[in-house]
Amino acid sequence: APDRPAPGTPIPEIAGPRKETMVEAARLLGARRGVKVVGI
């Protein structure tokens, strides 16, 4: 392995498998906990 990545090499990045919104995630969690979530 080289000591440094070659210039222009992107920084490793990891993300979840699909695009979601924070309000969607909050609503899923809220539904599980019995809390109504309202997006703004």
Full PDB file with SEQRES, HELIX, SHEET, SSBOND, CRYST1, ORIGX, SCALE, CONECT and MASTER records, all heavy atoms in Angstrom:
SEQRES   1 A   40  ALA PRO ASP ARG PRO ALA PRO GLY THR PRO ILE PRO GLU          
SEQRES   2 A   40  ILE ALA GLY PRO ARG LYS GLU THR MET VAL GLU ALA ALA          
SEQRES   3 A   40  ARG LEU LEU GLY ALA ARG ARG GLY VAL LYS VAL VAL GLY          
SEQRES   4 A   40  ILE                                                          
HELIX    1 AA1 MET A   22  ARG A   33  1                                  12    
CRYST1    1.000    1.000    1.000  90.00  90.00  90.00 P 1           1          
ORIGX1      1.000000  0.000000  0.000000        0.00000                         
ORIGX2      0.000000  1.000000  0.000000        0.00000                         
ORIGX3      0.000000  0.000000  1.000000        0.00000                         
SCALE1      1.000000  0.000000  0.000000        0.00000                         
SCALE2      0.000000  1.000000  0.000000        0.00000                         
SCALE3      0.000000  0.000000  1.000000        0.00000                         
ATOM      1  N   ALA A   1       0.845  -1.195   0.000  1.00  0.00           N  
ATOM      2  CA  ALA A   1       0.000   0.000   0.000  1.00  0.00           C  
ATOM      3  C   ALA A   1       0.881   1.246   0.000  1.00  0.00           C  
ATOM      4  O   ALA A   1       1.876   1.306   0.711  1.00  0.00           O  
ATOM      5  CB  ALA A   1      -0.908   0.005   1.229  1.00  0.00           C  
ATOM      6  N   PRO A   2       0.534   2.259  -0.806  1.00  0.00           N  
ATOM      7  CA  PRO A   2       1.334   3.498  -0.808  1.00  0.00           C  
ATOM      8  C   PRO A   2       1.153   4.258   0.492  1.00  0.00           C  
ATOM      9  O   PRO A   2       0.153   4.102   1.188  1.00  0.00           O  
ATOM     10  CB  PRO A   2       0.744   4.289  -1.989  1.00  0.00           C  
ATOM     11  CG  PRO A   2      -0.634   3.760  -2.171  1.00  0.00           C  
ATOM     12  CD  PRO A   2      -0.589   2.311  -1.727  1.00  0.00           C  
ATOM     13  N   ASP A   3       2.149   5.100   0.828  1.00  0.00           N  
ATOM     14  CA  ASP A   3       2.067   5.901   2.048  1.00  0.00           C  
ATOM     15  C   ASP A   3       0.958   6.933   1.962  1.00  0.00           C  
ATOM     16  O   ASP A   3       0.335   7.268   2.952  1.00  0.00           O  
ATOM     17  CB  ASP A   3       3.394   6.612   2.313  1.00  0.00           C  
ATOM     18  CG  ASP A   3       4.486   5.638   2.733  1.00  0.00           C  
ATOM     19  OD1 ASP A   3       4.134   4.544   3.214  1.00  0.00           O  
ATOM     20  OD2 ASP A   3       5.666   5.965   2.559  1.00  0.00           O  
ATOM     21  N   ARG A   4       0.727   7.455   0.773  1.00  0.00           N  
ATOM     22  CA  ARG A   4      -0.311   8.466   0.574  1.00  0.00           C  
ATOM     23  C   ARG A   4      -1.093   8.125  -0.682  1.00  0.00           C  
ATOM     24  O   ARG A   4      -0.543   7.594  -1.635  1.00  0.00           O  
ATOM     25  CB  ARG A   4       0.314   9.834   0.366  1.00  0.00           C  
ATOM     26  CG  ARG A   4       1.014  10.384   1.529  1.00  0.00           C  
ATOM     27  CD  ARG A   4       1.388  11.793   1.212  1.00  0.00           C  
ATOM     28  NE  ARG A   4       2.628  12.136   1.870  1.00  0.00           N  
ATOM     29  CZ  ARG A   4       3.119  13.347   1.918  1.00  0.00           C  
ATOM     30  NH1 ARG A   4       2.494  14.319   1.313  1.00  0.00           N  
ATOM     31  NH2 ARG A   4       4.224  13.597   2.540  1.00  0.00           N  
ATOM     32  N   PRO A   5      -2.372   8.490  -0.695  1.00  0.00           N  
ATOM     33  CA  PRO A   5      -3.133   8.279  -1.923  1.00  0.00           C  
ATOM     34  C   PRO A   5      -2.628   9.223  -3.019  1.00  0.00           C  
ATOM     35  O   PRO A   5      -2.069  10.280  -2.738  1.00  0.00           O  
ATOM     36  CB  PRO A   5      -4.569   8.606  -1.530  1.00  0.00           C  
ATOM     37  CG  PRO A   5      -4.491   9.331  -0.243  1.00  0.00           C  
ATOM     38  CD  PRO A   5      -3.171   9.018   0.382  1.00  0.00           C  
ATOM     39  N   ALA A   6      -2.813   8.826  -4.246  1.00  0.00           N  
ATOM     40  CA  ALA A   6      -2.411   9.665  -5.372  1.00  0.00           C  
ATOM     41  C   ALA A   6      -3.217  10.960  -5.363  1.00  0.00           C  
ATOM     42  O   ALA A   6      -4.374  10.966  -4.931  1.00  0.00           O  
ATOM     43  CB  ALA A   6      -2.644   8.910  -6.682  1.00  0.00           C  
ATOM     44  N   PRO A   7      -2.617  12.059  -5.815  1.00  0.00           N  
ATOM     45  CA  PRO A   7      -3.362  13.324  -5.884  1.00  0.00           C  
ATOM     46  C   PRO A   7      -4.652  13.142  -6.686  1.00  0.00           C  
ATOM     47  O   PRO A   7      -4.676  12.465  -7.707  1.00  0.00           O  
ATOM     48  CB  PRO A   7      -2.401  14.274  -6.601  1.00  0.00           C  
ATOM     49  CG  PRO A   7      -1.044  13.688  -6.360  1.00  0.00           C  
ATOM     50  CD  PRO A   7      -1.243  12.199  -6.300  1.00  0.00           C  
ATOM     51  N   GLY A   8      -5.709  13.751  -6.185  1.00  0.00           N  
ATOM     52  CA  GLY A   8      -6.995  13.665  -6.864  1.00  0.00           C  
ATOM     53  C   GLY A   8      -7.826  12.450  -6.479  1.00  0.00           C  
ATOM     54  O   GLY A   8      -8.967  12.316  -6.902  1.00  0.00           O  
ATOM     55  N   THR A   9      -7.242  11.550  -5.671  1.00  0.00           N  
ATOM     56  CA  THR A   9      -7.989  10.373  -5.225  1.00  0.00           C  
ATOM     57  C   THR A   9      -9.083  10.834  -4.263  1.00  0.00           C  
ATOM     58  O   THR A   9      -8.804  11.547  -3.308  1.00  0.00           O  
ATOM     59  CB  THR A   9      -7.070   9.367  -4.506  1.00  0.00           C  
ATOM     60  OG1 THR A   9      -6.039   8.976  -5.392  1.00  0.00           O  
ATOM     61  CG2 THR A   9      -7.832   8.150  -4.026  1.00  0.00           C  
ATOM     62  N   PRO A  10     -10.340  10.441  -4.522  1.00  0.00           N  
ATOM     63  CA  PRO A  10     -11.404  10.878  -3.616  1.00  0.00           C  
ATOM     64  C   PRO A  10     -11.228  10.305  -2.211  1.00  0.00           C  
ATOM     65  O   PRO A  10     -10.707   9.210  -2.038  1.00  0.00           O  
ATOM     66  CB  PRO A  10     -12.682  10.323  -4.243  1.00  0.00           C  
ATOM     67  CG  PRO A  10     -12.308   9.716  -5.541  1.00  0.00           C  
ATOM     68  CD  PRO A  10     -10.827   9.619  -5.607  1.00  0.00           C  
ATOM     69  N   ILE A  11     -11.661  11.058  -1.232  1.00  0.00           N  
ATOM     70  CA  ILE A  11     -11.668  10.584   0.152  1.00  0.00           C  
ATOM     71  C   ILE A  11     -12.709   9.473   0.239  1.00  0.00           C  
ATOM     72  O   ILE A  11     -13.815   9.623  -0.276  1.00  0.00           O  
ATOM     73  CB  ILE A  11     -12.020  11.729   1.119  1.00  0.00           C  
ATOM     74  CG1 ILE A  11     -10.926  12.785   1.070  1.00  0.00           C  
ATOM     75  CG2 ILE A  11     -12.230  11.218   2.539  1.00  0.00           C  
ATOM     76  CD1 ILE A  11     -11.277  14.068   1.804  1.00  0.00           C  
ATOM     77  N   PRO A  12     -12.387   8.354   0.870  1.00  0.00           N  
ATOM     78  CA  PRO A  12     -13.387   7.285   1.005  1.00  0.00           C  
ATOM     79  C   PRO A  12     -14.648   7.818   1.683  1.00  0.00           C  
ATOM     80  O   PRO A  12     -14.582   8.554   2.661  1.00  0.00           O  
ATOM     81  CB  PRO A  12     -12.696   6.238   1.874  1.00  0.00           C  
ATOM     82  CG  PRO A  12     -11.239   6.508   1.687  1.00  0.00           C  
ATOM     83  CD  PRO A  12     -11.122   7.989   1.486  1.00  0.00           C  
ATOM     84  N   GLU A  13     -15.773   7.442   1.127  1.00  0.00           N  
ATOM     85  CA  GLU A  13     -17.054   7.914   1.648  1.00  0.00           C  
ATOM     86  C   GLU A  13     -18.022   6.737   1.651  1.00  0.00           C  
ATOM     87  O   GLU A  13     -18.021   5.928   0.728  1.00  0.00           O  
ATOM     88  CB  GLU A  13     -17.575   9.022   0.717  1.00  0.00           C  
ATOM     89  CG  GLU A  13     -18.805   9.706   1.164  1.00  0.00           C  
ATOM     90  CD  GLU A  13     -19.204  10.848   0.222  1.00  0.00           C  
ATOM     91  OE1 GLU A  13     -18.588  11.045  -0.838  1.00  0.00           O  
ATOM     92  OE2 GLU A  13     -20.171  11.535   0.568  1.00  0.00           O  
ATOM     93  N   ILE A  14     -18.814   6.631   2.690  1.00  0.00           N  
ATOM     94  CA  ILE A  14     -19.812   5.568   2.784  1.00  0.00           C  
ATOM     95  C   ILE A  14     -21.153   6.203   3.134  1.00  0.00           C  
ATOM     96  O   ILE A  14     -21.211   7.173   3.885  1.00  0.00           O  
ATOM     97  CB  ILE A  14     -19.410   4.481   3.810  1.00  0.00           C  
ATOM     98  CG1 ILE A  14     -20.396   3.320   3.762  1.00  0.00           C  
ATOM     99  CG2 ILE A  14     -19.261   5.055   5.190  1.00  0.00           C  
ATOM    100  CD1 ILE A  14     -19.926   2.072   4.455  1.00  0.00           C  
ATOM    101  N   ALA A  15     -22.204   5.643   2.559  1.00  0.00           N  
ATOM    102  CA  ALA A  15     -23.549   6.170   2.806  1.00  0.00           C  
ATOM    103  C   ALA A  15     -24.527   5.009   2.804  1.00  0.00           C  
ATOM    104  O   ALA A  15     -24.227   3.914   2.322  1.00  0.00           O  
ATOM    105  CB  ALA A  15     -23.927   7.181   1.733  1.00  0.00           C  
ATOM    106  N   GLY A  16     -25.701   5.279   3.334  1.00  0.00           N  
ATOM    107  CA  GLY A  16     -26.761   4.277   3.326  1.00  0.00           C  
ATOM    108  C   GLY A  16     -27.204   3.966   1.906  1.00  0.00           C  
ATOM    109  O   GLY A  16     -26.847   4.663   0.962  1.00  0.00           O  
ATOM    110  N   PRO A  17     -28.018   2.931   1.755  1.00  0.00           N  
ATOM    111  CA  PRO A  17     -28.338   2.418   0.426  1.00  0.00           C  
ATOM    112  C   PRO A  17     -29.308   3.263  -0.394  1.00  0.00           C  
ATOM    113  O   PRO A  17     -29.407   3.087  -1.598  1.00  0.00           O  
ATOM    114  CB  PRO A  17     -28.950   1.055   0.712  1.00  0.00           C  
ATOM    115  CG  PRO A  17     -29.540   1.191   2.070  1.00  0.00           C  
ATOM    116  CD  PRO A  17     -28.612   2.118   2.809  1.00  0.00           C  
ATOM    117  N   ARG A  18     -30.019   4.199   0.261  1.00  0.00           N  
ATOM    118  CA  ARG A  18     -30.958   4.994  -0.536  1.00  0.00           C  
ATOM    119  C   ARG A  18     -31.156   6.381   0.070  1.00  0.00           C  
ATOM    120  O   ARG A  18     -30.957   6.601   1.263  1.00  0.00           O  
ATOM    121  CB  ARG A  18     -32.293   4.287  -0.673  1.00  0.00           C  
ATOM    122  CG  ARG A  18     -33.117   4.283   0.585  1.00  0.00           C  
ATOM    123  CD  ARG A  18     -34.518   3.785   0.341  1.00  0.00           C  
ATOM    124  NE  ARG A  18     -35.281   4.015   1.546  1.00  0.00           N  
ATOM    125  CZ  ARG A  18     -36.315   3.312   1.897  1.00  0.00           C  
ATOM    126  NH1 ARG A  18     -36.721   2.326   1.143  1.00  0.00           N  
ATOM    127  NH2 ARG A  18     -36.958   3.589   3.002  1.00  0.00           N  
ATOM    128  N   LYS A  19     -31.581   7.284  -0.788  1.00  0.00           N  
ATOM    129  CA  LYS A  19     -31.880   8.653  -0.373  1.00  0.00           C  
ATOM    130  C   LYS A  19     -33.180   8.656   0.435  1.00  0.00           C  
ATOM    131  O   LYS A  19     -34.161   8.029   0.040  1.00  0.00           O  
ATOM    132  CB  LYS A  19     -32.025   9.532  -1.620  1.00  0.00           C  
ATOM    133  CG  LYS A  19     -32.310  10.969  -1.342  1.00  0.00           C  
ATOM    134  CD  LYS A  19     -32.384  11.725  -2.656  1.00  0.00           C  
ATOM    135  CE  LYS A  19     -33.031  13.075  -2.498  1.00  0.00           C  
ATOM    136  NZ  LYS A  19     -33.170  13.758  -3.786  1.00  0.00           N  
ATOM    137  N   GLU A  20     -33.134   9.321   1.570  1.00  0.00           N  
ATOM    138  CA  GLU A  20     -34.295   9.462   2.446  1.00  0.00           C  
ATOM    139  C   GLU A  20     -34.303  10.909   2.927  1.00  0.00           C  
ATOM    140  O   GLU A  20     -33.354  11.642   2.707  1.00  0.00           O  
ATOM    141  CB  GLU A  20     -34.188   8.524   3.644  1.00  0.00           C  
ATOM    142  CG  GLU A  20     -34.023   7.060   3.260  1.00  0.00           C  
ATOM    143  CD  GLU A  20     -33.872   6.142   4.446  1.00  0.00           C  
ATOM    144  OE1 GLU A  20     -34.903   5.789   5.025  1.00  0.00           O  
ATOM    145  OE2 GLU A  20     -32.734   5.806   4.792  1.00  0.00           O  
ATOM    146  N   THR A  21     -35.352  11.291   3.612  1.00  0.00           N  
ATOM    147  CA  THR A  21     -35.343  12.607   4.250  1.00  0.00           C  
ATOM    148  C   THR A  21     -35.341  12.401   5.756  1.00  0.00           C  
ATOM    149  O   THR A  21     -35.801  11.380   6.260  1.00  0.00           O  
ATOM    150  CB  THR A  21     -36.562  13.468   3.851  1.00  0.00           C  
ATOM    151  OG1 THR A  21     -37.753  12.857   4.341  1.00  0.00           O  
ATOM    152  CG2 THR A  21     -36.634  13.675   2.346  1.00  0.00           C  
ATOM    153  N   MET A  22     -34.836  13.388   6.451  1.00  0.00           N  
ATOM    154  CA  MET A  22     -34.802  13.299   7.909  1.00  0.00           C  
ATOM    155  C   MET A  22     -36.207  13.217   8.481  1.00  0.00           C  
ATOM    156  O   MET A  22     -36.435  12.503   9.453  1.00  0.00           O  
ATOM    157  CB  MET A  22     -34.046  14.489   8.498  1.00  0.00           C  
ATOM    158  CG  MET A  22     -32.560  14.463   8.195  1.00  0.00           C  
ATOM    159  SD  MET A  22     -31.713  12.995   8.810  1.00  0.00           S  
ATOM    160  CE  MET A  22     -31.739  13.293  10.550  1.00  0.00           C  
ATOM    161  N   VAL A  23     -37.168  13.899   7.858  1.00  0.00           N  
ATOM    162  CA  VAL A  23     -38.540  13.838   8.378  1.00  0.00           C  
ATOM    163  C   VAL A  23     -39.116  12.434   8.198  1.00  0.00           C  
ATOM    164  O   VAL A  23     -39.839  11.943   9.073  1.00  0.00           O  
ATOM    165  CB  VAL A  23     -39.439  14.933   7.775  1.00  0.00           C  
ATOM    166  CG1 VAL A  23     -39.812  14.655   6.336  1.00  0.00           C  
ATOM    167  CG2 VAL A  23     -40.686  15.129   8.618  1.00  0.00           C  
ATOM    168  N   GLU A  24     -38.776  11.759   7.094  1.00  0.00           N  
ATOM    169  CA  GLU A  24     -39.246  10.374   6.917  1.00  0.00           C  
ATOM    170  C   GLU A  24     -38.682   9.484   8.020  1.00  0.00           C  
ATOM    171  O   GLU A  24     -39.401   8.672   8.608  1.00  0.00           O  
ATOM    172  CB  GLU A  24     -38.817   9.831   5.555  1.00  0.00           C  
ATOM    173  CG  GLU A  24     -39.528  10.434   4.374  1.00  0.00           C  
ATOM    174  CD  GLU A  24     -38.871  10.072   3.045  1.00  0.00           C  
ATOM    175  OE1 GLU A  24     -37.749   9.497   3.033  1.00  0.00           O  
ATOM    176  OE2 GLU A  24     -39.471  10.379   2.015  1.00  0.00           O  
ATOM    177  N   ALA A  25     -37.406   9.627   8.287  1.00  0.00           N  
ATOM    178  CA  ALA A  25     -36.771   8.828   9.337  1.00  0.00           C  
ATOM    179  C   ALA A  25     -37.380   9.152  10.704  1.00  0.00           C  
ATOM    180  O   ALA A  25     -37.669   8.254  11.498  1.00  0.00           O  
ATOM    181  CB  ALA A  25     -35.262   9.068   9.348  1.00  0.00           C  
ATOM    182  N   ALA A  26     -37.592  10.434  10.961  1.00  0.00           N  
ATOM    183  CA  ALA A  26     -38.188  10.837  12.243  1.00  0.00           C  
ATOM    184  C   ALA A  26     -39.605  10.292  12.384  1.00  0.00           C  
ATOM    185  O   ALA A  26     -40.009   9.863  13.464  1.00  0.00           O  
ATOM    186  CB  ALA A  26     -38.179  12.355  12.363  1.00  0.00           C  
ATOM    187  N   ARG A  27     -40.359  10.280  11.303  1.00  0.00           N  
ATOM    188  CA  ARG A  27     -41.728   9.744  11.363  1.00  0.00           C  
ATOM    189  C   ARG A  27     -41.721   8.238  11.637  1.00  0.00           C  
ATOM    190  O   ARG A  27     -42.568   7.740  12.386  1.00  0.00           O  
ATOM    191  CB  ARG A  27     -42.473  10.063  10.071  1.00  0.00           C  
ATOM    192  CG  ARG A  27     -42.918  11.502  10.010  1.00  0.00           C  
ATOM    193  CD  ARG A  27     -43.747  11.798   8.785  1.00  0.00           C  
ATOM    194  NE  ARG A  27     -44.187  13.187   8.821  1.00  0.00           N  
ATOM    195  CZ  ARG A  27     -44.242  13.968   7.767  1.00  0.00           C  
ATOM    196  NH1 ARG A  27     -43.915  13.514   6.576  1.00  0.00           N  
ATOM    197  NH2 ARG A  27     -44.655  15.220   7.886  1.00  0.00           N  
ATOM    198  N   LEU A  28     -40.790   7.529  11.030  1.00  0.00           N  
ATOM    199  CA  LEU A  28     -40.687   6.084  11.303  1.00  0.00           C  
ATOM    200  C   LEU A  28     -40.387   5.844  12.782  1.00  0.00           C  
ATOM    201  O   LEU A  28     -41.008   4.995  13.417  1.00  0.00           O  
ATOM    202  CB  LEU A  28     -39.604   5.449  10.433  1.00  0.00           C  
ATOM    203  CG  LEU A  28     -39.919   5.270   8.955  1.00  0.00           C  
ATOM    204  CD1 LEU A  28     -38.661   4.878   8.187  1.00  0.00           C  
ATOM    205  CD2 LEU A  28     -41.005   4.226   8.771  1.00  0.00           C  
ATOM    206  N   LEU A  29     -39.433   6.587  13.302  1.00  0.00           N  
ATOM    207  CA  LEU A  29     -39.074   6.447  14.709  1.00  0.00           C  
ATOM    208  C   LEU A  29     -40.225   6.890  15.606  1.00  0.00           C  
ATOM    209  O   LEU A  29     -40.548   6.218  16.591  1.00  0.00           O  
ATOM    210  CB  LEU A  29     -37.809   7.246  15.016  1.00  0.00           C  
ATOM    211  CG  LEU A  29     -37.273   7.157  16.436  1.00  0.00           C  
ATOM    212  CD1 LEU A  29     -36.945   5.718  16.813  1.00  0.00           C  
ATOM    213  CD2 LEU A  29     -36.060   8.055  16.603  1.00  0.00           C  
ATOM    214  N   GLY A  30     -40.847   7.998  15.257  1.00  0.00           N  
ATOM    215  CA  GLY A  30     -41.975   8.492  16.042  1.00  0.00           C  
ATOM    216  C   GLY A  30     -43.127   7.503  16.075  1.00  0.00           C  
ATOM    217  O   GLY A  30     -43.737   7.283  17.124  1.00  0.00           O  
ATOM    218  N   ALA A  31     -43.434   6.888  14.927  1.00  0.00           N  
ATOM    219  CA  ALA A  31     -44.522   5.903  14.875  1.00  0.00           C  
ATOM    220  C   ALA A  31     -44.217   4.731  15.790  1.00  0.00           C  
ATOM    221  O   ALA A  31     -45.102   4.215  16.480  1.00  0.00           O  
ATOM    222  CB  ALA A  31     -44.715   5.420  13.442  1.00  0.00           C  
ATOM    223  N   ARG A  32     -42.980   4.342  15.830  1.00  0.00           N  
ATOM    224  CA  ARG A  32     -42.581   3.226  16.690  1.00  0.00           C  
ATOM    225  C   ARG A  32     -42.730   3.568  18.170  1.00  0.00           C  
ATOM    226  O   ARG A  32     -43.044   2.713  18.988  1.00  0.00           O  
ATOM    227  CB  ARG A  32     -41.143   2.844  16.362  1.00  0.00           C  
ATOM    228  CG  ARG A  32     -40.671   1.659  17.133  1.00  0.00           C  
ATOM    229  CD  ARG A  32     -39.260   1.313  16.721  1.00  0.00           C  
ATOM    230  NE  ARG A  32     -38.816   0.243  17.565  1.00  0.00           N  
ATOM    231  CZ  ARG A  32     -38.297  -0.873  17.148  1.00  0.00           C  
ATOM    232  NH1 ARG A  32     -38.159  -1.087  15.865  1.00  0.00           N  
ATOM    233  NH2 ARG A  32     -37.904  -1.784  17.988  1.00  0.00           N  
ATOM    234  N   ARG A  33     -42.490   4.837  18.500  1.00  0.00           N  
ATOM    235  CA  ARG A  33     -42.544   5.279  19.897  1.00  0.00           C  
ATOM    236  C   ARG A  33     -43.861   5.943  20.274  1.00  0.00           C  
ATOM    237  O   ARG A  33     -44.007   6.428  21.393  1.00  0.00           O  
ATOM    238  CB  ARG A  33     -41.385   6.238  20.176  1.00  0.00           C  
ATOM    239  CG  ARG A  33     -40.047   5.556  20.057  1.00  0.00           C  
ATOM    240  CD  ARG A  33     -38.934   6.475  20.429  1.00  0.00           C  
ATOM    241  NE  ARG A  33     -37.663   5.776  20.381  1.00  0.00           N  
ATOM    242  CZ  ARG A  33     -36.500   6.348  20.599  1.00  0.00           C  
ATOM    243  NH1 ARG A  33     -36.434   7.625  20.894  1.00  0.00           N  
ATOM    244  NH2 ARG A  33     -35.392   5.650  20.532  1.00  0.00           N  
ATOM    245  N   GLY A  34     -44.807   6.006  19.332  1.00  0.00           N  
ATOM    246  CA  GLY A  34     -46.092   6.623  19.614  1.00  0.00           C  
ATOM    247  C   GLY A  34     -46.038   8.132  19.690  1.00  0.00           C  
ATOM    248  O   GLY A  34     -46.816   8.753  20.413  1.00  0.00           O  
ATOM    249  N   VAL A  35     -45.128   8.737  18.943  1.00  0.00           N  
ATOM    250  CA  VAL A  35     -44.961  10.184  18.947  1.00  0.00           C  
ATOM    251  C   VAL A  35     -45.260  10.705  17.542  1.00  0.00           C  
ATOM    252  O   VAL A  35     -44.719  10.193  16.561  1.00  0.00           O  
ATOM    253  CB  VAL A  35     -43.511  10.566  19.331  1.00  0.00           C  
ATOM    254  CG1 VAL A  35     -43.288  12.062  19.215  1.00  0.00           C  
ATOM    255  CG2 VAL A  35     -43.167  10.056  20.718  1.00  0.00           C  
ATOM    256  N   LYS A  36     -46.110  11.718  17.456  1.00  0.00           N  
ATOM    257  CA  LYS A  36     -46.415  12.317  16.164  1.00  0.00           C  
ATOM    258  C   LYS A  36     -45.286  13.267  15.777  1.00  0.00           C  
ATOM    259  O   LYS A  36     -44.901  14.136  16.561  1.00  0.00           O  
ATOM    260  CB  LYS A  36     -47.742  13.072  16.207  1.00  0.00           C  
ATOM    261  CG  LYS A  36     -48.104  13.674  14.869  1.00  0.00           C  
ATOM    262  CD  LYS A  36     -49.425  14.410  14.936  1.00  0.00           C  
ATOM    263  CE  LYS A  36     -49.730  15.030  13.584  1.00  0.00           C  
ATOM    264  NZ  LYS A  36     -50.937  15.835  13.608  1.00  0.00           N  
ATOM    265  N   VAL A  37     -44.765  13.115  14.587  1.00  0.00           N  
ATOM    266  CA  VAL A  37     -43.685  13.974  14.091  1.00  0.00           C  
ATOM    267  C   VAL A  37     -44.250  14.856  12.986  1.00  0.00           C  
ATOM    268  O   VAL A  37     -44.913  14.366  12.077  1.00  0.00           O  
ATOM    269  CB  VAL A  37     -42.510  13.127  13.553  1.00  0.00           C  
ATOM    270  CG1 VAL A  37     -41.469  14.009  12.889  1.00  0.00           C  
ATOM    271  CG2 VAL A  37     -41.891  12.307  14.674  1.00  0.00           C  
ATOM    272  N   VAL A  38     -43.981  16.128  13.093  1.00  0.00           N  
ATOM    273  CA  VAL A  38     -44.438  17.092  12.103  1.00  0.00           C  
ATOM    274  C   VAL A  38     -43.217  17.712  11.448  1.00  0.00           C  
ATOM    275  O   VAL A  38     -42.342  18.249  12.126  1.00  0.00           O  
ATOM    276  CB  VAL A  38     -45.300  18.195  12.766  1.00  0.00           C  
ATOM    277  CG1 VAL A  38     -45.741  19.212  11.740  1.00  0.00           C  
ATOM    278  CG2 VAL A  38     -46.482  17.575  13.486  1.00  0.00           C  
ATOM    279  N   GLY A  39     -43.149  17.615  10.130  1.00  0.00           N  
ATOM    280  CA  GLY A  39     -42.038  18.216   9.408  1.00  0.00           C  
ATOM    281  C   GLY A  39     -42.278  19.700   9.206  1.00  0.00           C  
ATOM    282  O   GLY A  39     -43.413  20.165   9.149  1.00  0.00           O  
ATOM    283  N   ILE A  40     -41.213  20.446   9.137  1.00  0.00           N  
ATOM    284  CA  ILE A  40     -41.312  21.876   8.851  1.00  0.00           C  
ATOM    285  C   ILE A  40     -40.467  22.192   7.628  1.00  0.00           C  
ATOM    286  O   ILE A  40     -39.420  21.592   7.410  1.00  0.00           O  
ATOM    287  CB  ILE A  40     -40.878  22.751  10.050  1.00  0.00           C  
ATOM    288  CG1 ILE A  40     -39.513  22.302  10.582  1.00  0.00           C  
ATOM    289  CG2 ILE A  40     -41.901  22.780  11.129  1.00  0.00           C  
ATOM    290  CD1 ILE A  40     -38.939  23.214  11.638  1.00  0.00           C  
TER     291      ILE A  40                                                      
MASTER        0    0    0    1    0    0    0    6  290    1    0    4          
END                                                                             
